[in-house]
Amino acid sequence: MGEFPSGWSWEENKLFEVALAMVDEQDPDRWEAVAAIVGGKKSAEEVQRHYVILLEDLHFIESGRLDHELEDAQSYGQVECISQSAYWTDEDQELFIQLDID
């Protein structure tokens, strides 16, 4: 799989999502733990920055501004959207098992 514009690979991003669900928000070493789960190629600071960007993206989407921008884009031409649901795949399960975290 390719990289996201942020420089994170698909696999790193998936591990990041799993790690956020696994590591307690109150853990004082949260970002170090998440970085370790991601594979150690990202620093705690990079992981925390990626989280802040995720929160900003969610805020932008929830604010409704995204819908407005999509309407503007559609007025310039036809935009084809493919609806796709996200499911936990066998590949996701394999990545999760590889974490081997107790």
PDB file of N, CA and C in Angstrom:
ATOM      1  N   MET A   1       0.844  -1.182   0.000  1.00  0.00           N
ATOM      2  CA  MET A   1       0.000   0.000   0.000  1.00  0.00           C
ATOM      3  C   MET A   1       0.885   1.240   0.000  1.00  0.00           C
ATOM      4  N   GLY A   2       0.320   2.363  -0.410  1.00  0.00           N
ATOM      5  CA  GLY A   2       1.082   3.594  -0.529  1.00  0.00           C
ATOM      6  C   GLY A   2       1.144   4.395   0.751  1.00  0.00           C
ATOM      7  N   GLU A   3       1.668   5.599   0.590  1.00  0.00           N
ATOM      8  CA  GLU A   3       1.773   6.505   1.732  1.00  0.00           C
ATOM      9  C   GLU A   3       0.697   7.562   1.660  1.00  0.00           C
ATOM     10  N   PHE A   4       0.288   8.038   2.816  1.00  0.00           N
ATOM     11  CA  PHE A   4      -0.619   9.166   2.906  1.00  0.00           C
ATOM     12  C   PHE A   4       0.199  10.431   2.690  1.00  0.00           C
ATOM     13  N   PRO A   5      -0.437  11.549   2.355  1.00  0.00           N
ATOM     14  CA  PRO A   5       0.316  12.800   2.178  1.00  0.00           C
ATOM     15  C   PRO A   5       1.152  13.171   3.403  1.00  0.00           C
ATOM     16  N   SER A   6       0.791  12.682   4.562  1.00  0.00           N
ATOM     17  CA  SER A   6       1.512  12.997   5.796  1.00  0.00           C
ATOM     18  C   SER A   6       2.833  12.248   5.902  1.00  0.00           C
ATOM     19  N   GLY A   7       3.085  11.311   4.990  1.00  0.00           N
ATOM     20  CA  GLY A   7       4.300  10.517   5.067  1.00  0.00           C
ATOM     21  C   GLY A   7       4.120   9.238   5.864  1.00  0.00           C
ATOM     22  N   TRP A   8       2.912   8.960   6.296  1.00  0.00           N
ATOM     23  CA  TRP A   8       2.611   7.731   7.026  1.00  0.00           C
ATOM     24  C   TRP A   8       2.100   6.688   6.040  1.00  0.00           C
ATOM     25  N   SER A   9       2.604   5.478   6.134  1.00  0.00           N
ATOM     26  CA  SER A   9       2.115   4.403   5.275  1.00  0.00           C
ATOM     27  C   SER A   9       0.746   3.947   5.759  1.00  0.00           C
ATOM     28  N   TRP A  10       0.058   3.211   4.921  1.00  0.00           N
ATOM     29  CA  TRP A  10      -1.248   2.672   5.291  1.00  0.00           C
ATOM     30  C   TRP A  10      -1.105   1.790   6.524  1.00  0.00           C
ATOM     31  N   GLU A  11      -0.064   0.946   6.532  1.00  0.00           N
ATOM     32  CA  GLU A  11       0.161   0.032   7.646  1.00  0.00           C
ATOM     33  C   GLU A  11       0.428   0.804   8.936  1.00  0.00           C
ATOM     34  N   GLU A  12       1.266   1.836   8.855  1.00  0.00           N
ATOM     35  CA  GLU A  12       1.553   2.649  10.046  1.00  0.00           C
ATOM     36  C   GLU A  12       0.289   3.311  10.569  1.00  0.00           C
ATOM     37  N   ASN A  13      -0.524   3.814   9.660  1.00  0.00           N
ATOM     38  CA  ASN A  13      -1.757   4.480  10.070  1.00  0.00           C
ATOM     39  C   ASN A  13      -2.720   3.491  10.736  1.00  0.00           C
ATOM     40  N   LYS A  14      -2.820   2.269  10.200  1.00  0.00           N
ATOM     41  CA  LYS A  14      -3.678   1.256  10.805  1.00  0.00           C
ATOM     42  C   LYS A  14      -3.176   0.900  12.207  1.00  0.00           C
ATOM     43  N   LEU A  15      -1.858   0.715  12.352  1.00  0.00           N
ATOM     44  CA  LEU A  15      -1.297   0.413  13.662  1.00  0.00           C
ATOM     45  C   LEU A  15      -1.520   1.567  14.626  1.00  0.00           C
ATOM     46  N   PHE A  16      -1.439   2.784  14.114  1.00  0.00           N
ATOM     47  CA  PHE A  16      -1.703   3.980  14.911  1.00  0.00           C
ATOM     48  C   PHE A  16      -3.129   3.948  15.449  1.00  0.00           C
ATOM     49  N   GLU A  17      -4.085   3.618  14.586  1.00  0.00           N
ATOM     50  CA  GLU A  17      -5.483   3.553  15.009  1.00  0.00           C
ATOM     51  C   GLU A  17      -5.694   2.480  16.071  1.00  0.00           C
ATOM     52  N   VAL A  18      -5.079   1.319  15.881  1.00  0.00           N
ATOM     53  CA  VAL A  18      -5.189   0.237  16.857  1.00  0.00           C
ATOM     54  C   VAL A  18      -4.566   0.677  18.176  1.00  0.00           C
ATOM     55  N   ALA A  19      -3.402   1.304  18.095  1.00  0.00           N
ATOM     56  CA  ALA A  19      -2.693   1.739  19.302  1.00  0.00           C
ATOM     57  C   ALA A  19      -3.510   2.754  20.088  1.00  0.00           C
ATOM     58  N   LEU A  20      -4.166   3.678  19.393  1.00  0.00           N
ATOM     59  CA  LEU A  20      -4.992   4.662  20.096  1.00  0.00           C
ATOM     60  C   LEU A  20      -6.100   3.986  20.887  1.00  0.00           C
ATOM     61  N   ALA A  21      -6.623   2.896  20.347  1.00  0.00           N
ATOM     62  CA  ALA A  21      -7.682   2.177  21.038  1.00  0.00           C
ATOM     63  C   ALA A  21      -7.137   1.365  22.214  1.00  0.00           C
ATOM     64  N   MET A  22      -5.884   0.978  22.137  1.00  0.00           N
ATOM     65  CA  MET A  22      -5.301   0.099  23.162  1.00  0.00           C
ATOM     66  C   MET A  22      -4.666   0.859  24.322  1.00  0.00           C
ATOM     67  N   VAL A  23      -4.065   1.992  24.045  1.00  0.00           N
ATOM     68  CA  VAL A  23      -3.291   2.699  25.070  1.00  0.00           C
ATOM     69  C   VAL A  23      -4.194   3.724  25.760  1.00  0.00           C
ATOM     70  N   ASP A  24      -4.265   3.636  27.062  1.00  0.00           N
ATOM     71  CA  ASP A  24      -5.103   4.520  27.867  1.00  0.00           C
ATOM     72  C   ASP A  24      -4.705   5.984  27.663  1.00  0.00           C
ATOM     73  N   GLU A  25      -5.702   6.832  27.495  1.00  0.00           N
ATOM     74  CA  GLU A  25      -5.459   8.272  27.321  1.00  0.00           C
ATOM     75  C   GLU A  25      -4.732   8.880  28.515  1.00  0.00           C
ATOM     76  N   GLN A  26      -4.899   8.291  29.686  1.00  0.00           N
ATOM     77  CA  GLN A  26      -4.290   8.827  30.907  1.00  0.00           C
ATOM     78  C   GLN A  26      -2.866   8.304  31.140  1.00  0.00           C
ATOM     79  N   ASP A  27      -2.418   7.385  30.316  1.00  0.00           N
ATOM     80  CA  ASP A  27      -1.074   6.825  30.461  1.00  0.00           C
ATOM     81  C   ASP A  27      -0.049   7.936  30.225  1.00  0.00           C
ATOM     82  N   PRO A  28       0.829   8.207  31.194  1.00  0.00           N
ATOM     83  CA  PRO A  28       1.805   9.288  31.030  1.00  0.00           C
ATOM     84  C   PRO A  28       2.806   9.025  29.902  1.00  0.00           C
ATOM     85  N   ASP A  29       2.941   7.765  29.513  1.00  0.00           N
ATOM     86  CA  ASP A  29       3.844   7.405  28.412  1.00  0.00           C
ATOM     87  C   ASP A  29       3.065   7.022  27.157  1.00  0.00           C
ATOM     88  N   ARG A  30       1.885   7.598  27.013  1.00  0.00           N
ATOM     89  CA  ARG A  30       0.993   7.212  25.911  1.00  0.00           C
ATOM     90  C   ARG A  30       1.663   7.314  24.552  1.00  0.00           C
ATOM     91  N   TRP A  31       2.293   8.437  24.272  1.00  0.00           N
ATOM     92  CA  TRP A  31       2.827   8.642  22.927  1.00  0.00           C
ATOM     93  C   TRP A  31       4.023   7.743  22.643  1.00  0.00           C
ATOM     94  N   GLU A  32       4.813   7.438  23.659  1.00  0.00           N
ATOM     95  CA  GLU A  32       5.913   6.493  23.498  1.00  0.00           C
ATOM     96  C   GLU A  32       5.364   5.093  23.211  1.00  0.00           C
ATOM     97  N   ALA A  33       4.290   4.718  23.934  1.00  0.00           N
ATOM     98  CA  ALA A  33       3.675   3.406  23.735  1.00  0.00           C
ATOM     99  C   ALA A  33       3.065   3.302  22.343  1.00  0.00           C
ATOM    100  N   VAL A  34       2.374   4.347  21.911  1.00  0.00           N
ATOM    101  CA  VAL A  34       1.781   4.340  20.576  1.00  0.00           C
ATOM    102  C   VAL A  34       2.880   4.256  19.528  1.00  0.00           C
ATOM    103  N   ALA A  35       3.948   5.011  19.704  1.00  0.00           N
ATOM    104  CA  ALA A  35       5.071   4.972  18.747  1.00  0.00           C
ATOM    105  C   ALA A  35       5.661   3.568  18.674  1.00  0.00           C
ATOM    106  N   ALA A  36       5.776   2.896  19.805  1.00  0.00           N
ATOM    107  CA  ALA A  36       6.315   1.533  19.819  1.00  0.00           C
ATOM    108  C   ALA A  36       5.402   0.574  19.069  1.00  0.00           C
ATOM    109  N   ILE A  37       4.099   0.737  19.244  1.00  0.00           N
ATOM    110  CA  ILE A  37       3.140  -0.128  18.555  1.00  0.00           C
ATOM    111  C   ILE A  37       3.174   0.130  17.057  1.00  0.00           C
ATOM    112  N   VAL A  38       3.355   1.383  16.665  1.00  0.00           N
ATOM    113  CA  VAL A  38       3.424   1.729  15.242  1.00  0.00           C
ATOM    114  C   VAL A  38       4.644   1.079  14.598  1.00  0.00           C
ATOM    115  N   GLY A  39       5.623   0.754  15.387  1.00  0.00           N
ATOM    116  CA  GLY A  39       6.768   0.041  14.846  1.00  0.00           C
ATOM    117  C   GLY A  39       8.097   0.680  15.164  1.00  0.00           C
ATOM    118  N   GLY A  40       8.072   1.769  15.901  1.00  0.00           N
ATOM    119  CA  GLY A  40       9.315   2.404  16.310  1.00  0.00           C
ATOM    120  C   GLY A  40       9.964   3.291  15.266  1.00  0.00           C
ATOM    121  N   LYS A  41       9.345   3.423  14.097  1.00  0.00           N
ATOM    122  CA  LYS A  41       9.908   4.292  13.056  1.00  0.00           C
ATOM    123  C   LYS A  41       9.473   5.742  13.231  1.00  0.00           C
ATOM    124  N   LYS A  42       8.466   5.951  14.056  1.00  0.00           N
ATOM    125  CA  LYS A  42       7.959   7.293  14.342  1.00  0.00           C
ATOM    126  C   LYS A  42       8.278   7.628  15.793  1.00  0.00           C
ATOM    127  N   SER A  43       8.671   8.869  16.014  1.00  0.00           N
ATOM    128  CA  SER A  43       8.958   9.301  17.386  1.00  0.00           C
ATOM    129  C   SER A  43       7.648   9.580  18.125  1.00  0.00           C
ATOM    130  N   ALA A  44       7.746   9.694  19.425  1.00  0.00           N
ATOM    131  CA  ALA A  44       6.576  10.037  20.234  1.00  0.00           C
ATOM    132  C   ALA A  44       6.008  11.384  19.782  1.00  0.00           C
ATOM    133  N   GLU A  45       6.887  12.314  19.439  1.00  0.00           N
ATOM    134  CA  GLU A  45       6.438  13.634  18.982  1.00  0.00           C
ATOM    135  C   GLU A  45       5.699  13.533  17.647  1.00  0.00           C
ATOM    136  N   GLU A  46       6.202  12.702  16.727  1.00  0.00           N
ATOM    137  CA  GLU A  46       5.525  12.527  15.437  1.00  0.00           C
ATOM    138  C   GLU A  46       4.155  11.886  15.619  1.00  0.00           C
ATOM    139  N   VAL A  47       4.076  10.925  16.525  1.00  0.00           N
ATOM    140  CA  VAL A  47       2.810  10.248  16.801  1.00  0.00           C
ATOM    141  C   VAL A  47       1.808  11.230  17.390  1.00  0.00           C
ATOM    142  N   GLN A  48       2.256  12.047  18.334  1.00  0.00           N
ATOM    143  CA  GLN A  48       1.358  13.020  18.948  1.00  0.00           C
ATOM    144  C   GLN A  48       0.913  14.056  17.911  1.00  0.00           C
ATOM    145  N   ARG A  49       1.798  14.490  17.047  1.00  0.00           N
ATOM    146  CA  ARG A  49       1.450  15.442  15.983  1.00  0.00           C
ATOM    147  C   ARG A  49       0.417  14.829  15.036  1.00  0.00           C
ATOM    148  N   HIS A  50       0.584  13.540  14.708  1.00  0.00           N
ATOM    149  CA  HIS A  50      -0.357  12.835  13.842  1.00  0.00           C
ATOM    150  C   HIS A  50      -1.742  12.792  14.495  1.00  0.00           C
ATOM    151  N   TYR A  51      -1.770  12.632  15.811  1.00  0.00           N
ATOM    152  CA  TYR A  51      -3.027  12.621  16.563  1.00  0.00           C
ATOM    153  C   TYR A  51      -3.696  13.997  16.509  1.00  0.00           C
ATOM    154  N   VAL A  52      -2.923  15.048  16.672  1.00  0.00           N
ATOM    155  CA  VAL A  52      -3.466  16.410  16.615  1.00  0.00           C
ATOM    156  C   VAL A  52      -4.066  16.671  15.236  1.00  0.00           C
ATOM    157  N   ILE A  53      -3.381  16.232  14.192  1.00  0.00           N
ATOM    158  CA  ILE A  53      -3.897  16.394  12.828  1.00  0.00           C
ATOM    159  C   ILE A  53      -5.202  15.622  12.667  1.00  0.00           C
ATOM    160  N   LEU A  54      -5.256  14.411  13.225  1.00  0.00           N
ATOM    161  CA  LEU A  54      -6.488  13.623  13.179  1.00  0.00           C
ATOM    162  C   LEU A  54      -7.631  14.363  13.849  1.00  0.00           C
ATOM    163  N   LEU A  55      -7.379  14.939  15.026  1.00  0.00           N
ATOM    164  CA  LEU A  55      -8.414  15.696  15.725  1.00  0.00           C
ATOM    165  C   LEU A  55      -8.864  16.912  14.916  1.00  0.00           C
ATOM    166  N   GLU A  56      -7.910  17.598  14.285  1.00  0.00           N
ATOM    167  CA  GLU A  56      -8.260  18.753  13.449  1.00  0.00           C
ATOM    168  C   GLU A  56      -9.116  18.328  12.268  1.00  0.00           C
ATOM    169  N   ASP A  57      -8.773  17.202  11.648  1.00  0.00           N
ATOM    170  CA  ASP A  57      -9.569  16.687  10.528  1.00  0.00           C
ATOM    171  C   ASP A  57     -10.984  16.350  10.978  1.00  0.00           C
ATOM    172  N   LEU A  58     -11.098  15.690  12.128  1.00  0.00           N
ATOM    173  CA  LEU A  58     -12.424  15.340  12.647  1.00  0.00           C
ATOM    174  C   LEU A  58     -13.253  16.589  12.950  1.00  0.00           C
ATOM    175  N   HIS A  59     -12.605  17.576  13.555  1.00  0.00           N
ATOM    176  CA  HIS A  59     -13.307  18.828  13.851  1.00  0.00           C
ATOM    177  C   HIS A  59     -13.784  19.491  12.553  1.00  0.00           C
ATOM    178  N   PHE A  60     -12.947  19.487  11.536  1.00  0.00           N
ATOM    179  CA  PHE A  60     -13.298  20.084  10.244  1.00  0.00           C
ATOM    180  C   PHE A  60     -14.497  19.359   9.632  1.00  0.00           C
ATOM    181  N   ILE A  61     -14.470  18.039   9.663  1.00  0.00           N
ATOM    182  CA  ILE A  61     -15.568  17.252   9.101  1.00  0.00           C
ATOM    183  C   ILE A  61     -16.853  17.492   9.887  1.00  0.00           C
ATOM    184  N   GLU A  62     -16.758  17.443  11.216  1.00  0.00           N
ATOM    185  CA  GLU A  62     -17.943  17.608  12.060  1.00  0.00           C
ATOM    186  C   GLU A  62     -18.504  19.021  12.018  1.00  0.00           C
ATOM    187  N   SER A  63     -17.693  19.998  11.640  1.00  0.00           N
ATOM    188  CA  SER A  63     -18.160  21.377  11.581  1.00  0.00           C
ATOM    189  C   SER A  63     -19.113  21.614  10.415  1.00  0.00           C
ATOM    190  N   GLY A  64     -19.135  20.683   9.467  1.00  0.00           N
ATOM    191  CA  GLY A  64     -20.000  20.839   8.307  1.00  0.00           C
ATOM    192  C   GLY A  64     -19.356  21.599   7.167  1.00  0.00           C
ATOM    193  N   ARG A  65     -18.163  22.135   7.373  1.00  0.00           N
ATOM    194  CA  ARG A  65     -17.492  22.889   6.311  1.00  0.00           C
ATOM    195  C   ARG A  65     -17.108  21.989   5.145  1.00  0.00           C
ATOM    196  N   LEU A  66     -16.848  20.724   5.409  1.00  0.00           N
ATOM    197  CA  LEU A  66     -16.476  19.804   4.342  1.00  0.00           C
ATOM    198  C   LEU A  66     -17.623  19.655   3.356  1.00  0.00           C
ATOM    199  N   ASP A  67     -18.847  19.499   3.863  1.00  0.00           N
ATOM    200  CA  ASP A  67     -20.008  19.371   2.989  1.00  0.00           C
ATOM    201  C   ASP A  67     -20.138  20.584   2.089  1.00  0.00           C
ATOM    202  N   HIS A  68     -19.926  21.774   2.629  1.00  0.00           N
ATOM    203  CA  HIS A  68     -20.025  23.000   1.847  1.00  0.00           C
ATOM    204  C   HIS A  68     -18.975  23.016   0.740  1.00  0.00           C
ATOM    205  N   GLU A  69     -17.753  22.618   1.074  1.00  0.00           N
ATOM    206  CA  GLU A  69     -16.698  22.603   0.068  1.00  0.00           C
ATOM    207  C   GLU A  69     -16.972  21.564  -1.005  1.00  0.00           C
ATOM    208  N   LEU A  70     -17.584  20.441  -0.650  1.00  0.00           N
ATOM    209  CA  LEU A  70     -17.934  19.446  -1.653  1.00  0.00           C
ATOM    210  C   LEU A  70     -19.005  19.981  -2.594  1.00  0.00           C
ATOM    211  N   GLU A  71     -19.976  20.722  -2.044  1.00  0.00           N
ATOM    212  CA  GLU A  71     -21.002  21.321  -2.892  1.00  0.00           C
ATOM    213  C   GLU A  71     -20.375  22.297  -3.874  1.00  0.00           C
ATOM    214  N   ASP A  72     -19.404  23.110  -3.416  1.00  0.00           N
ATOM    215  CA  ASP A  72     -18.714  24.040  -4.301  1.00  0.00           C
ATOM    216  C   ASP A  72     -17.954  23.297  -5.384  1.00  0.00           C
ATOM    217  N   ALA A  73     -17.304  22.198  -5.036  1.00  0.00           N
ATOM    218  CA  ALA A  73     -16.535  21.423  -6.003  1.00  0.00           C
ATOM    219  C   ALA A  73     -17.459  20.808  -7.045  1.00  0.00           C
ATOM    220  N   GLN A  74     -18.637  20.376  -6.627  1.00  0.00           N
ATOM    221  CA  GLN A  74     -19.566  19.763  -7.562  1.00  0.00           C
ATOM    222  C   GLN A  74     -20.125  20.792  -8.537  1.00  0.00           C
ATOM    223  N   SER A  75     -20.179  22.051  -8.136  1.00  0.00           N
ATOM    224  CA  SER A  75     -20.700  23.074  -9.045  1.00  0.00           C
ATOM    225  C   SER A  75     -19.735  23.324 -10.203  1.00  0.00           C
ATOM    226  N   TYR A  76     -18.474  22.912 -10.066  1.00  0.00           N
ATOM    227  CA  TYR A  76     -17.493  23.079 -11.133  1.00  0.00           C
ATOM    228  C   TYR A  76     -17.455  21.891 -12.079  1.00  0.00           C
ATOM    229  N   GLY A  77     -18.112  20.829 -11.730  1.00  0.00           N
ATOM    230  CA  GLY A  77     -18.125  19.646 -12.574  1.00  0.00           C
ATOM    231  C   GLY A  77     -18.630  18.454 -11.800  1.00  0.00           C
ATOM    232  N   GLN A  78     -18.916  17.406 -12.518  1.00  0.00           N
ATOM    233  CA  GLN A  78     -19.436  16.207 -11.888  1.00  0.00           C
ATOM    234  C   GLN A  78     -18.340  15.536 -11.065  1.00  0.00           C
ATOM    235  N   VAL A  79     -18.667  15.200  -9.859  1.00  0.00           N
ATOM    236  CA  VAL A  79     -17.743  14.502  -8.974  1.00  0.00           C
ATOM    237  C   VAL A  79     -18.321  13.130  -8.702  1.00  0.00           C
ATOM    238  N   GLU A  80     -17.551  12.102  -9.009  1.00  0.00           N
ATOM    239  CA  GLU A  80     -18.018  10.743  -8.772  1.00  0.00           C
ATOM    240  C   GLU A  80     -17.551  10.298  -7.400  1.00  0.00           C
ATOM    241  N   CYS A  81     -18.485   9.865  -6.590  1.00  0.00           N
ATOM    242  CA  CYS A  81     -18.160   9.388  -5.246  1.00  0.00           C
ATOM    243  C   CYS A  81     -18.483   7.907  -5.164  1.00  0.00           C
ATOM    244  N   ILE A  82     -17.581   7.178  -4.588  1.00  0.00           N
ATOM    245  CA  ILE A  82     -17.809   5.752  -4.394  1.00  0.00           C
ATOM    246  C   ILE A  82     -17.968   5.531  -2.906  1.00  0.00           C
ATOM    247  N   SER A  83     -19.114   5.063  -2.515  1.00  0.00           N
ATOM    248  CA  SER A  83     -19.368   4.800  -1.102  1.00  0.00           C
ATOM    249  C   SER A  83     -18.673   3.507  -0.717  1.00  0.00           C
ATOM    250  N   GLN A  84     -17.961   3.564   0.386  1.00  0.00           N
ATOM    251  CA  GLN A  84     -17.217   2.389   0.831  1.00  0.00           C
ATOM    252  C   GLN A  84     -17.282   2.314   2.345  1.00  0.00           C
ATOM    253  N   SER A  85     -17.644   1.172   2.849  1.00  0.00           N
ATOM    254  CA  SER A  85     -17.677   0.967   4.290  1.00  0.00           C
ATOM    255  C   SER A  85     -16.344   0.411   4.740  1.00  0.00           C
ATOM    256  N   ALA A  86     -15.963   0.782   5.937  1.00  0.00           N
ATOM    257  CA  ALA A  86     -14.711   0.289   6.497  1.00  0.00           C
ATOM    258  C   ALA A  86     -15.013  -0.890   7.414  1.00  0.00           C
ATOM    259  N   TYR A  87     -14.360  -2.000   7.168  1.00  0.00           N
ATOM    260  CA  TYR A  87     -14.535  -3.186   7.978  1.00  0.00           C
ATOM    261  C   TYR A  87     -13.172  -3.639   8.483  1.00  0.00           C
ATOM    262  N   TRP A  88     -13.162  -4.378   9.575  1.00  0.00           N
ATOM    263  CA  TRP A  88     -11.944  -4.986  10.114  1.00  0.00           C
ATOM    264  C   TRP A  88     -11.634  -6.154   9.192  1.00  0.00           C
ATOM    265  N   THR A  89     -10.541  -6.081   8.465  1.00  0.00           N
ATOM    266  CA  THR A  89     -10.198  -7.104   7.491  1.00  0.00           C
ATOM    267  C   THR A  89      -9.286  -8.159   8.104  1.00  0.00           C
ATOM    268  N   ASP A  90      -9.069  -9.233   7.358  1.00  0.00           N
ATOM    269  CA  ASP A  90      -8.121 -10.259   7.793  1.00  0.00           C
ATOM    270  C   ASP A  90      -6.726  -9.659   7.933  1.00  0.00           C
ATOM    271  N   GLU A  91      -6.384  -8.731   7.043  1.00  0.00           N
ATOM    272  CA  GLU A  91      -5.075  -8.068   7.119  1.00  0.00           C
ATOM    273  C   GLU A  91      -4.965  -7.241   8.398  1.00  0.00           C
ATOM    274  N   ASP A  92      -6.041  -6.547   8.772  1.00  0.00           N
ATOM    275  CA  ASP A  92      -6.057  -5.790  10.029  1.00  0.00           C
ATOM    276  C   ASP A  92      -5.832  -6.738  11.208  1.00  0.00           C
ATOM    277  N   GLN A  93      -6.501  -7.898  11.170  1.00  0.00           N
ATOM    278  CA  GLN A  93      -6.362  -8.872  12.247  1.00  0.00           C
ATOM    279  C   GLN A  93      -4.926  -9.369  12.344  1.00  0.00           C
ATOM    280  N   GLU A  94      -4.296  -9.631  11.196  1.00  0.00           N
ATOM    281  CA  GLU A  94      -2.907 -10.094  11.198  1.00  0.00           C
ATOM    282  C   GLU A  94      -1.986  -9.033  11.797  1.00  0.00           C
ATOM    283  N   LEU A  95      -2.188  -7.764  11.437  1.00  0.00           N
ATOM    284  CA  LEU A  95      -1.382  -6.692  12.006  1.00  0.00           C
ATOM    285  C   LEU A  95      -1.584  -6.608  13.519  1.00  0.00           C
ATOM    286  N   PHE A  96      -2.815  -6.774  13.945  1.00  0.00           N
ATOM    287  CA  PHE A  96      -3.126  -6.717  15.367  1.00  0.00           C
ATOM    288  C   PHE A  96      -2.428  -7.856  16.120  1.00  0.00           C
ATOM    289  N   ILE A  97      -2.476  -9.051  15.540  1.00  0.00           N
ATOM    290  CA  ILE A  97      -1.839 -10.207  16.168  1.00  0.00           C
ATOM    291  C   ILE A  97      -0.323 -10.027  16.234  1.00  0.00           C
ATOM    292  N   GLN A  98       0.255  -9.398  15.197  1.00  0.00           N
ATOM    293  CA  GLN A  98       1.701  -9.177  15.163  1.00  0.00           C
ATOM    294  C   GLN A  98       2.169  -8.266  16.293  1.00  0.00           C
ATOM    295  N   LEU A  99       1.266  -7.461  16.825  1.00  0.00           N
ATOM    296  CA  LEU A  99       1.635  -6.546  17.902  1.00  0.00           C
ATOM    297  C   LEU A  99       2.096  -7.315  19.138  1.00  0.00           C
ATOM    298  N   ASP A 100       1.455  -8.453  19.401  1.00  0.00           N
ATOM    299  CA  ASP A 100       1.828  -9.321  20.523  1.00  0.00           C
ATOM    300  C   ASP A 100       2.022  -8.554  21.811  1.00  0.00           C
ATOM    301  N   ILE A 101       1.024  -7.744  22.141  1.00  0.00           N
ATOM    302  CA  ILE A 101       1.093  -6.919  23.359  1.00  0.00           C
ATOM    303  C   ILE A 101       0.210  -7.554  24.421  1.00  0.00           C
ATOM    304  N   ASP A 102       0.755  -7.675  25.605  1.00  0.00           N
ATOM    305  CA  ASP A 102       0.004  -8.250  26.729  1.00  0.00           C
ATOM    306  C   ASP A 102      -0.648  -7.168  27.533  1.00  0.00           C
TER     307      ASP A 102
END
